[in-house]
Amino acid sequence: MTSAAFYYHFASKEELLEELVETFAETWVAAVTSRLQATEDVDHLGDFTDSALDWVEDNQSEALVFFSTAVGATAAVDQCRATTRERIIDVMTTELRRLAPSRTPAKTEASAVGLFVLIYVSARSQLTTDEVFVTLGRSRFRREVRVLASSVVVSSRTPKAQPATV
């Protein structure tokens, strides 16, 4: 593409970045939503994490832009990421209520945030093949993510208060 053609469609490189991030964000929200809605019970959250990370892997080029572009690249990109985070956490909260209706609202919200952070950090780790991903290898990394997803959401035990020591 010539620079003339580029600037015909986009006013700047920043505008192109914003468009790429916004487009990916919409498809990522839809992908996470459909995969989580297909989850039948909390015991299958590992299937959800695998499916979500497979989708990120299948959309690697666009995902790299979304997950790895420096924070502060533009205010619009930062806002898009924040809005996407809120939307996905809302979906996760709704779906976790469906999957675990006996949980308190506070535990459900906390689990949704934890699950979002797990997926987000795991996607970044996988995309950038960071030290953790390389050390564990793909299979063990995915296995560990599955276990963490279950512990974030399924752990319903309330820790016992420790007696005060004097």
N, C-alpha and C. Protein backbone atom coordinates (compact mmCIF):
# COMPACT_ATOMS: atom_id res chain seq x y z
N MET A 1 0.85 -1.17 0.00
CA MET A 1 0.00 0.00 0.00
C MET A 1 0.90 1.23 0.00
N THR A 2 0.60 2.14 -0.84
CA THR A 2 1.37 3.39 -0.89
C THR A 2 0.96 4.27 0.28
N SER A 3 1.83 5.20 0.62
CA SER A 3 1.48 6.10 1.73
C SER A 3 0.28 6.96 1.36
N ALA A 4 0.13 7.29 0.10
CA ALA A 4 -1.03 8.07 -0.32
C ALA A 4 -2.32 7.28 -0.10
N ALA A 5 -2.29 6.01 -0.44
CA ALA A 5 -3.46 5.16 -0.24
C ALA A 5 -3.75 4.98 1.25
N PHE A 6 -2.68 4.82 2.04
CA PHE A 6 -2.83 4.67 3.49
C PHE A 6 -3.53 5.90 4.07
N TYR A 7 -3.00 7.08 3.75
CA TYR A 7 -3.55 8.31 4.33
C TYR A 7 -4.92 8.69 3.73
N TYR A 8 -5.28 8.05 2.63
CA TYR A 8 -6.63 8.23 2.11
C TYR A 8 -7.63 7.57 3.06
N HIS A 9 -7.24 6.41 3.60
CA HIS A 9 -8.13 5.66 4.49
C HIS A 9 -7.98 6.04 5.96
N PHE A 10 -6.78 6.43 6.36
CA PHE A 10 -6.52 6.73 7.76
C PHE A 10 -5.77 8.06 7.86
N ALA A 11 -6.14 8.86 8.81
CA ALA A 11 -5.50 10.16 8.98
C ALA A 11 -4.09 10.02 9.54
N SER A 12 -3.83 8.90 10.26
CA SER A 12 -2.53 8.72 10.88
C SER A 12 -2.32 7.25 11.21
N LYS A 13 -1.09 6.90 11.61
CA LYS A 13 -0.80 5.54 12.06
C LYS A 13 -1.61 5.23 13.32
N GLU A 14 -1.78 6.22 14.15
CA GLU A 14 -2.55 6.03 15.38
C GLU A 14 -4.00 5.66 15.08
N GLU A 15 -4.56 6.28 14.04
CA GLU A 15 -5.94 5.96 13.66
C GLU A 15 -6.04 4.52 13.18
N LEU A 16 -5.04 4.05 12.45
CA LEU A 16 -5.01 2.65 12.01
C LEU A 16 -4.95 1.73 13.23
N LEU A 17 -4.07 2.03 14.18
CA LEU A 17 -3.95 1.24 15.40
C LEU A 17 -5.29 1.18 16.13
N GLU A 18 -5.94 2.32 16.27
CA GLU A 18 -7.24 2.38 16.94
C GLU A 18 -8.26 1.51 16.24
N GLU A 19 -8.28 1.56 14.93
CA GLU A 19 -9.22 0.74 14.15
C GLU A 19 -8.94 -0.75 14.34
N LEU A 20 -7.68 -1.14 14.31
CA LEU A 20 -7.31 -2.54 14.50
C LEU A 20 -7.72 -3.03 15.88
N VAL A 21 -7.44 -2.23 16.90
CA VAL A 21 -7.76 -2.61 18.27
C VAL A 21 -9.27 -2.70 18.46
N GLU A 22 -10.02 -1.73 17.95
CA GLU A 22 -11.48 -1.75 18.10
C GLU A 22 -12.10 -2.95 17.39
N THR A 23 -11.61 -3.26 16.20
CA THR A 23 -12.14 -4.40 15.44
C THR A 23 -11.85 -5.70 16.17
N PHE A 24 -10.62 -5.85 16.64
CA PHE A 24 -10.28 -7.06 17.39
C PHE A 24 -11.11 -7.16 18.66
N ALA A 25 -11.26 -6.05 19.37
CA ALA A 25 -12.00 -6.06 20.63
C ALA A 25 -13.42 -6.58 20.43
N GLU A 26 -14.08 -6.13 19.39
CA GLU A 26 -15.45 -6.60 19.12
C GLU A 26 -15.49 -8.10 18.88
N THR A 27 -14.55 -8.59 18.09
CA THR A 27 -14.56 -10.03 17.79
C THR A 27 -14.13 -10.84 19.01
N TRP A 28 -13.24 -10.28 19.84
CA TRP A 28 -12.81 -11.00 21.04
C TRP A 28 -13.95 -11.11 22.05
N VAL A 29 -14.69 -10.04 22.25
CA VAL A 29 -15.85 -10.08 23.15
C VAL A 29 -16.84 -11.14 22.66
N ALA A 30 -17.11 -11.15 21.37
CA ALA A 30 -18.04 -12.14 20.81
C ALA A 30 -17.51 -13.56 20.98
N ALA A 31 -16.22 -13.75 20.77
CA ALA A 31 -15.62 -15.08 20.90
C ALA A 31 -15.68 -15.57 22.34
N VAL A 32 -15.33 -14.72 23.29
CA VAL A 32 -15.37 -15.09 24.70
C VAL A 32 -16.81 -15.38 25.11
N THR A 33 -17.73 -14.53 24.69
CA THR A 33 -19.14 -14.70 25.04
C THR A 33 -19.67 -16.03 24.54
N SER A 34 -19.47 -16.33 23.27
CA SER A 34 -20.02 -17.57 22.71
C SER A 34 -19.39 -18.80 23.35
N ARG A 35 -18.09 -18.73 23.64
CA ARG A 35 -17.44 -19.88 24.25
C ARG A 35 -17.88 -20.09 25.70
N LEU A 36 -18.06 -19.02 26.41
CA LEU A 36 -18.50 -19.14 27.80
C LEU A 36 -19.96 -19.58 27.88
N GLN A 37 -20.79 -19.08 26.97
CA GLN A 37 -22.19 -19.50 26.94
C GLN A 37 -22.33 -20.98 26.59
N ALA A 38 -21.35 -21.52 25.86
CA ALA A 38 -21.38 -22.94 25.49
C ALA A 38 -20.90 -23.83 26.63
N THR A 39 -20.35 -23.25 27.67
CA THR A 39 -19.87 -24.02 28.82
C THR A 39 -21.07 -24.51 29.63
N GLU A 40 -21.12 -25.82 29.84
CA GLU A 40 -22.29 -26.42 30.47
C GLU A 40 -22.27 -26.37 31.99
N ASP A 41 -21.11 -26.42 32.59
CA ASP A 41 -21.03 -26.33 34.05
C ASP A 41 -19.62 -25.91 34.45
N VAL A 42 -19.45 -25.57 35.72
CA VAL A 42 -18.16 -25.05 36.18
C VAL A 42 -17.03 -26.06 36.01
N ASP A 43 -17.36 -27.34 35.98
CA ASP A 43 -16.33 -28.36 35.79
C ASP A 43 -15.73 -28.33 34.39
N HIS A 44 -16.36 -27.60 33.48
CA HIS A 44 -15.86 -27.51 32.10
C HIS A 44 -15.22 -26.15 31.78
N LEU A 45 -14.87 -25.39 32.81
CA LEU A 45 -14.22 -24.10 32.56
C LEU A 45 -12.87 -24.26 31.89
N GLY A 46 -12.21 -25.39 32.11
CA GLY A 46 -10.95 -25.65 31.42
C GLY A 46 -11.15 -25.72 29.91
N ASP A 47 -12.28 -26.30 29.50
CA ASP A 47 -12.59 -26.34 28.06
C ASP A 47 -12.75 -24.92 27.53
N PHE A 48 -13.39 -24.06 28.34
CA PHE A 48 -13.54 -22.66 27.94
C PHE A 48 -12.18 -21.99 27.79
N THR A 49 -11.29 -22.17 28.76
CA THR A 49 -9.98 -21.51 28.68
C THR A 49 -9.21 -22.00 27.46
N ASP A 50 -9.26 -23.30 27.21
CA ASP A 50 -8.58 -23.83 26.02
C ASP A 50 -9.16 -23.22 24.74
N SER A 51 -10.47 -23.18 24.68
CA SER A 51 -11.13 -22.65 23.49
C SER A 51 -10.81 -21.16 23.29
N ALA A 52 -10.83 -20.40 24.37
CA ALA A 52 -10.52 -18.97 24.28
C ALA A 52 -9.08 -18.76 23.84
N LEU A 53 -8.15 -19.53 24.40
CA LEU A 53 -6.75 -19.38 24.01
C LEU A 53 -6.48 -19.90 22.60
N ASP A 54 -7.22 -20.93 22.18
CA ASP A 54 -7.12 -21.39 20.79
C ASP A 54 -7.56 -20.28 19.85
N TRP A 55 -8.65 -19.60 20.20
CA TRP A 55 -9.15 -18.51 19.35
C TRP A 55 -8.11 -17.39 19.26
N VAL A 56 -7.51 -17.04 20.38
CA VAL A 56 -6.46 -16.00 20.36
C VAL A 56 -5.32 -16.45 19.46
N GLU A 57 -4.93 -17.71 19.57
CA GLU A 57 -3.85 -18.25 18.75
C GLU A 57 -4.22 -18.22 17.26
N ASP A 58 -5.48 -18.55 16.95
CA ASP A 58 -5.94 -18.52 15.55
C ASP A 58 -5.99 -17.10 14.99
N ASN A 59 -6.08 -16.12 15.85
CA ASN A 59 -6.14 -14.71 15.45
C ASN A 59 -4.90 -13.97 15.94
N GLN A 60 -3.77 -14.64 15.83
CA GLN A 60 -2.53 -14.18 16.43
C GLN A 60 -2.11 -12.78 16.01
N SER A 61 -2.15 -12.47 14.74
CA SER A 61 -1.68 -11.15 14.28
C SER A 61 -2.48 -10.02 14.91
N GLU A 62 -3.79 -10.14 14.86
CA GLU A 62 -4.64 -9.10 15.44
C GLU A 62 -4.53 -9.08 16.96
N ALA A 63 -4.44 -10.27 17.54
CA ALA A 63 -4.35 -10.37 19.00
C ALA A 63 -3.06 -9.75 19.52
N LEU A 64 -1.97 -9.93 18.78
CA LEU A 64 -0.70 -9.31 19.19
C LEU A 64 -0.83 -7.80 19.28
N VAL A 65 -1.53 -7.21 18.33
CA VAL A 65 -1.73 -5.76 18.36
C VAL A 65 -2.53 -5.37 19.59
N PHE A 66 -3.59 -6.11 19.87
CA PHE A 66 -4.45 -5.79 21.02
C PHE A 66 -3.74 -6.01 22.35
N PHE A 67 -3.12 -7.16 22.52
CA PHE A 67 -2.54 -7.52 23.81
C PHE A 67 -1.15 -6.94 24.05
N SER A 68 -0.43 -6.62 23.00
CA SER A 68 0.98 -6.26 23.18
C SER A 68 1.34 -4.83 22.85
N THR A 69 0.41 -4.08 22.28
CA THR A 69 0.70 -2.68 21.99
C THR A 69 0.87 -1.95 23.32
N ALA A 70 1.84 -1.09 23.37
CA ALA A 70 2.15 -0.39 24.63
C ALA A 70 0.94 0.36 25.17
N VAL A 71 0.78 0.24 26.49
CA VAL A 71 -0.26 1.03 27.16
C VAL A 71 0.11 2.49 26.97
N GLY A 72 -0.87 3.30 26.68
CA GLY A 72 -0.61 4.71 26.45
C GLY A 72 -0.31 5.04 25.00
N ALA A 73 -0.45 4.03 24.12
CA ALA A 73 -0.20 4.28 22.70
C ALA A 73 -1.08 5.44 22.23
N THR A 74 -2.35 5.33 22.53
CA THR A 74 -3.28 6.45 22.33
C THR A 74 -4.37 6.33 23.39
N ALA A 75 -5.00 7.43 23.69
CA ALA A 75 -6.09 7.42 24.67
C ALA A 75 -7.24 6.54 24.18
N ALA A 76 -7.50 6.57 22.89
CA ALA A 76 -8.60 5.77 22.33
C ALA A 76 -8.33 4.27 22.48
N VAL A 77 -7.09 3.85 22.28
CA VAL A 77 -6.73 2.44 22.43
C VAL A 77 -6.89 2.03 23.89
N ASP A 78 -6.40 2.86 24.80
CA ASP A 78 -6.55 2.57 26.23
C ASP A 78 -8.02 2.48 26.62
N GLN A 79 -8.83 3.38 26.11
CA GLN A 79 -10.26 3.37 26.41
C GLN A 79 -10.93 2.13 25.85
N CYS A 80 -10.54 1.74 24.66
CA CYS A 80 -11.10 0.53 24.04
C CYS A 80 -10.76 -0.69 24.88
N ARG A 81 -9.53 -0.79 25.32
CA ARG A 81 -9.14 -1.93 26.16
C ARG A 81 -9.95 -1.94 27.47
N ALA A 82 -10.10 -0.77 28.08
CA ALA A 82 -10.85 -0.68 29.34
C ALA A 82 -12.31 -1.09 29.13
N THR A 83 -12.91 -0.60 28.07
CA THR A 83 -14.31 -0.95 27.76
C THR A 83 -14.44 -2.43 27.47
N THR A 84 -13.50 -2.98 26.75
CA THR A 84 -13.51 -4.41 26.44
C THR A 84 -13.40 -5.23 27.71
N ARG A 85 -12.50 -4.83 28.59
CA ARG A 85 -12.34 -5.51 29.88
C ARG A 85 -13.66 -5.51 30.65
N GLU A 86 -14.31 -4.36 30.73
CA GLU A 86 -15.58 -4.25 31.45
C GLU A 86 -16.65 -5.14 30.82
N ARG A 87 -16.72 -5.13 29.51
CA ARG A 87 -17.73 -5.93 28.82
C ARG A 87 -17.52 -7.42 29.06
N ILE A 88 -16.27 -7.86 28.98
CA ILE A 88 -15.98 -9.28 29.17
C ILE A 88 -16.22 -9.69 30.62
N ILE A 89 -15.84 -8.85 31.56
CA ILE A 89 -16.10 -9.16 32.97
C ILE A 89 -17.60 -9.23 33.23
N ASP A 90 -18.38 -8.36 32.60
CA ASP A 90 -19.85 -8.42 32.73
C ASP A 90 -20.39 -9.75 32.19
N VAL A 91 -19.90 -10.17 31.03
CA VAL A 91 -20.33 -11.45 30.45
C VAL A 91 -19.93 -12.59 31.37
N MET A 92 -18.71 -12.55 31.87
CA MET A 92 -18.24 -13.62 32.75
C MET A 92 -19.06 -13.66 34.03
N THR A 93 -19.40 -12.52 34.57
CA THR A 93 -20.23 -12.48 35.78
C THR A 93 -21.59 -13.11 35.52
N THR A 94 -22.21 -12.73 34.43
CA THR A 94 -23.52 -13.29 34.08
C THR A 94 -23.44 -14.80 33.90
N GLU A 95 -22.43 -15.26 33.18
CA GLU A 95 -22.31 -16.69 32.91
C GLU A 95 -21.92 -17.48 34.16
N LEU A 96 -21.10 -16.90 35.02
CA LEU A 96 -20.75 -17.59 36.26
C LEU A 96 -21.95 -17.68 37.20
N ARG A 97 -22.83 -16.69 37.16
CA ARG A 97 -24.09 -16.79 37.92
C ARG A 97 -24.90 -17.98 37.43
N ARG A 98 -24.92 -18.16 36.13
CA ARG A 98 -25.66 -19.28 35.54
C ARG A 98 -25.01 -20.61 35.93
N LEU A 99 -23.69 -20.66 35.87
CA LEU A 99 -22.98 -21.91 36.13
C LEU A 99 -22.89 -22.27 37.61
N ALA A 100 -22.91 -21.27 38.47
CA ALA A 100 -22.79 -21.50 39.92
C ALA A 100 -23.77 -20.60 40.66
N PRO A 101 -25.07 -20.88 40.54
CA PRO A 101 -26.09 -19.99 41.10
C PRO A 101 -26.07 -19.86 42.62
N SER A 102 -25.44 -20.79 43.31
CA SER A 102 -25.44 -20.72 44.78
C SER A 102 -24.34 -19.80 45.33
N ARG A 103 -23.46 -19.34 44.48
CA ARG A 103 -22.39 -18.46 44.94
C ARG A 103 -22.93 -17.07 45.28
N THR A 104 -22.28 -16.43 46.20
CA THR A 104 -22.68 -15.07 46.55
C THR A 104 -22.33 -14.13 45.40
N PRO A 105 -23.04 -13.01 45.28
CA PRO A 105 -22.69 -12.05 44.23
C PRO A 105 -21.23 -11.58 44.32
N ALA A 106 -20.74 -11.38 45.53
CA ALA A 106 -19.36 -10.93 45.68
C ALA A 106 -18.37 -11.97 45.16
N LYS A 107 -18.59 -13.25 45.48
CA LYS A 107 -17.71 -14.31 44.99
C LYS A 107 -17.81 -14.43 43.47
N THR A 108 -19.01 -14.26 42.96
CA THR A 108 -19.19 -14.35 41.51
C THR A 108 -18.43 -13.24 40.80
N GLU A 109 -18.56 -12.02 41.31
CA GLU A 109 -17.84 -10.87 40.71
C GLU A 109 -16.33 -11.07 40.81
N ALA A 110 -15.87 -11.49 41.98
CA ALA A 110 -14.43 -11.70 42.17
C ALA A 110 -13.93 -12.81 41.25
N SER A 111 -14.70 -13.87 41.10
CA SER A 111 -14.32 -14.96 40.20
C SER A 111 -14.27 -14.49 38.75
N ALA A 112 -15.22 -13.65 38.36
CA ALA A 112 -15.23 -13.13 36.99
C ALA A 112 -13.98 -12.29 36.72
N VAL A 113 -13.62 -11.45 37.66
CA VAL A 113 -12.41 -10.64 37.50
C VAL A 113 -11.19 -11.55 37.44
N GLY A 114 -11.13 -12.52 38.34
CA GLY A 114 -9.99 -13.45 38.34
C GLY A 114 -9.89 -14.24 37.06
N LEU A 115 -11.02 -14.71 36.54
CA LEU A 115 -11.02 -15.47 35.29
C LEU A 115 -10.59 -14.58 34.13
N PHE A 116 -11.06 -13.34 34.11
CA PHE A 116 -10.65 -12.42 33.05
C PHE A 116 -9.13 -12.20 33.09
N VAL A 117 -8.61 -11.93 34.27
CA VAL A 117 -7.17 -11.67 34.39
C VAL A 117 -6.38 -12.90 33.95
N LEU A 118 -6.84 -14.08 34.34
CA LEU A 118 -6.17 -15.32 33.94
C LEU A 118 -6.13 -15.46 32.42
N ILE A 119 -7.26 -15.25 31.76
CA ILE A 119 -7.32 -15.38 30.30
C ILE A 119 -6.44 -14.31 29.64
N TYR A 120 -6.54 -13.08 30.12
CA TYR A 120 -5.78 -11.97 29.53
C TYR A 120 -4.27 -12.20 29.65
N VAL A 121 -3.82 -12.54 30.84
CA VAL A 121 -2.39 -12.75 31.07
C VAL A 121 -1.92 -14.00 30.32
N SER A 122 -2.74 -15.03 30.29
CA SER A 122 -2.37 -16.24 29.57
C SER A 122 -2.27 -15.99 28.07
N ALA A 123 -3.19 -15.20 27.55
CA ALA A 123 -3.14 -14.86 26.12
C ALA A 123 -1.86 -14.09 25.80
N ARG A 124 -1.53 -13.11 26.63
CA ARG A 124 -0.27 -12.35 26.42
C ARG A 124 0.95 -13.25 26.50
N SER A 125 0.95 -14.12 27.48
CA SER A 125 2.07 -15.04 27.67
C SER A 125 2.23 -15.94 26.45
N GLN A 126 1.12 -16.46 25.98
CA GLN A 126 1.13 -17.35 24.81
C GLN A 126 1.56 -16.60 23.55
N LEU A 127 1.01 -15.41 23.35
CA LEU A 127 1.32 -14.64 22.13
C LEU A 127 2.77 -14.18 22.07
N THR A 128 3.29 -13.79 23.21
CA THR A 128 4.66 -13.25 23.22
C THR A 128 5.68 -14.33 23.54
N THR A 129 5.21 -15.56 23.72
CA THR A 129 6.05 -16.68 24.14
C THR A 129 7.04 -16.23 25.21
N ASP A 130 6.47 -15.73 26.30
CA ASP A 130 7.30 -15.22 27.39
C ASP A 130 7.99 -16.38 28.12
N GLU A 131 8.76 -16.04 29.13
CA GLU A 131 9.57 -17.02 29.84
C GLU A 131 8.73 -18.14 30.45
N VAL A 132 7.59 -17.80 31.03
CA VAL A 132 6.73 -18.82 31.64
C VAL A 132 6.23 -19.80 30.58
N PHE A 133 5.77 -19.28 29.46
CA PHE A 133 5.25 -20.13 28.39
C PHE A 133 6.36 -21.03 27.85
N VAL A 134 7.53 -20.48 27.63
CA VAL A 134 8.66 -21.25 27.09
C VAL A 134 9.10 -22.31 28.10
N THR A 135 9.19 -21.94 29.37
CA THR A 135 9.63 -22.87 30.40
C THR A 135 8.68 -24.05 30.54
N LEU A 136 7.38 -23.76 30.58
CA LEU A 136 6.40 -24.83 30.75
C LEU A 136 6.14 -25.60 29.46
N GLY A 137 6.25 -24.94 28.34
CA GLY A 137 5.83 -25.55 27.08
C GLY A 137 4.33 -25.38 26.93
N ARG A 138 3.86 -25.46 25.69
CA ARG A 138 2.45 -25.19 25.41
C ARG A 138 1.49 -26.11 26.18
N SER A 139 1.75 -27.41 26.16
CA SER A 139 0.83 -28.36 26.79
C SER A 139 0.73 -28.15 28.29
N ARG A 140 1.86 -28.05 28.96
CA ARG A 140 1.82 -27.87 30.41
C ARG A 140 1.26 -26.50 30.78
N PHE A 141 1.60 -25.47 29.98
CA PHE A 141 1.06 -24.14 30.22
C PHE A 141 -0.46 -24.18 30.18
N ARG A 142 -1.02 -24.80 29.14
CA ARG A 142 -2.47 -24.89 29.00
C ARG A 142 -3.08 -25.68 30.15
N ARG A 143 -2.42 -26.76 30.56
CA ARG A 143 -2.91 -27.56 31.67
C ARG A 143 -2.96 -26.73 32.95
N GLU A 144 -1.92 -25.95 33.19
CA GLU A 144 -1.88 -25.10 34.38
C GLU A 144 -2.96 -24.03 34.34
N VAL A 145 -3.23 -23.48 33.16
CA VAL A 145 -4.29 -22.48 33.02
C VAL A 145 -5.64 -23.11 33.34
N ARG A 146 -5.86 -24.33 32.87
CA ARG A 146 -7.11 -25.05 33.16
C ARG A 146 -7.29 -25.21 34.67
N VAL A 147 -6.24 -25.63 35.35
CA VAL A 147 -6.30 -25.83 36.79
C VAL A 147 -6.57 -24.51 37.50
N LEU A 148 -5.88 -23.47 37.08
CA LEU A 148 -6.09 -22.16 37.70
C LEU A 148 -7.51 -21.66 37.48
N ALA A 149 -8.06 -21.86 36.29
CA ALA A 149 -9.43 -21.43 36.02
C ALA A 149 -10.39 -22.11 36.99
N SER A 150 -10.21 -23.39 37.19
CA SER A 150 -11.07 -24.12 38.13
C SER A 150 -10.90 -23.61 39.54
N SER A 151 -9.67 -23.34 39.94
CA SER A 151 -9.46 -22.89 41.32
C SER A 151 -9.99 -21.47 41.53
N VAL A 152 -9.96 -20.65 40.50
CA VAL A 152 -10.48 -19.28 40.62
C VAL A 152 -11.99 -19.31 40.79
N VAL A 153 -12.65 -20.19 40.09
CA VAL A 153 -14.11 -20.19 40.07
C VAL A 153 -14.72 -21.22 41.00
N VAL A 154 -14.16 -22.40 41.06
CA VAL A 154 -14.79 -23.48 41.80
C VAL A 154 -14.49 -23.41 43.29
N SER A 155 -13.38 -22.85 43.65
CA SER A 155 -13.02 -22.79 45.07
C SER A 155 -14.11 -22.08 45.85
N SER A 156 -14.90 -22.87 46.54
CA SER A 156 -16.01 -22.27 47.29
C SER A 156 -15.77 -22.33 48.79
N ARG A 157 -14.66 -22.92 49.19
CA ARG A 157 -14.35 -22.96 50.61
C ARG A 157 -13.99 -21.57 51.08
N THR A 158 -14.53 -21.22 52.21
CA THR A 158 -14.18 -19.95 52.82
C THR A 158 -13.08 -20.23 53.82
N PRO A 159 -11.94 -19.55 53.73
CA PRO A 159 -10.88 -19.83 54.68
C PRO A 159 -11.34 -19.58 56.10
N LYS A 160 -10.93 -20.46 56.99
CA LYS A 160 -11.29 -20.30 58.39
C LYS A 160 -10.47 -19.16 58.98
N ALA A 161 -11.12 -18.39 59.82
CA ALA A 161 -10.42 -17.30 60.48
C ALA A 161 -9.38 -17.90 61.42
N GLN A 162 -8.20 -17.34 61.39
CA GLN A 162 -7.13 -17.78 62.27
C GLN A 162 -7.33 -17.13 63.62
N PRO A 163 -7.14 -17.90 64.70
CA PRO A 163 -7.27 -17.28 66.03
C PRO A 163 -6.19 -16.23 66.23
N ALA A 164 -6.56 -15.19 66.89
CA ALA A 164 -5.59 -14.12 67.16
C ALA A 164 -4.55 -14.61 68.14
N THR A 165 -3.31 -14.29 67.84
CA THR A 165 -2.24 -14.66 68.77
C THR A 165 -1.82 -13.42 69.53
N VAL A 166 -1.54 -13.63 70.79
CA VAL A 166 -1.17 -12.51 71.63
C VAL A 166 0.24 -12.65 72.09
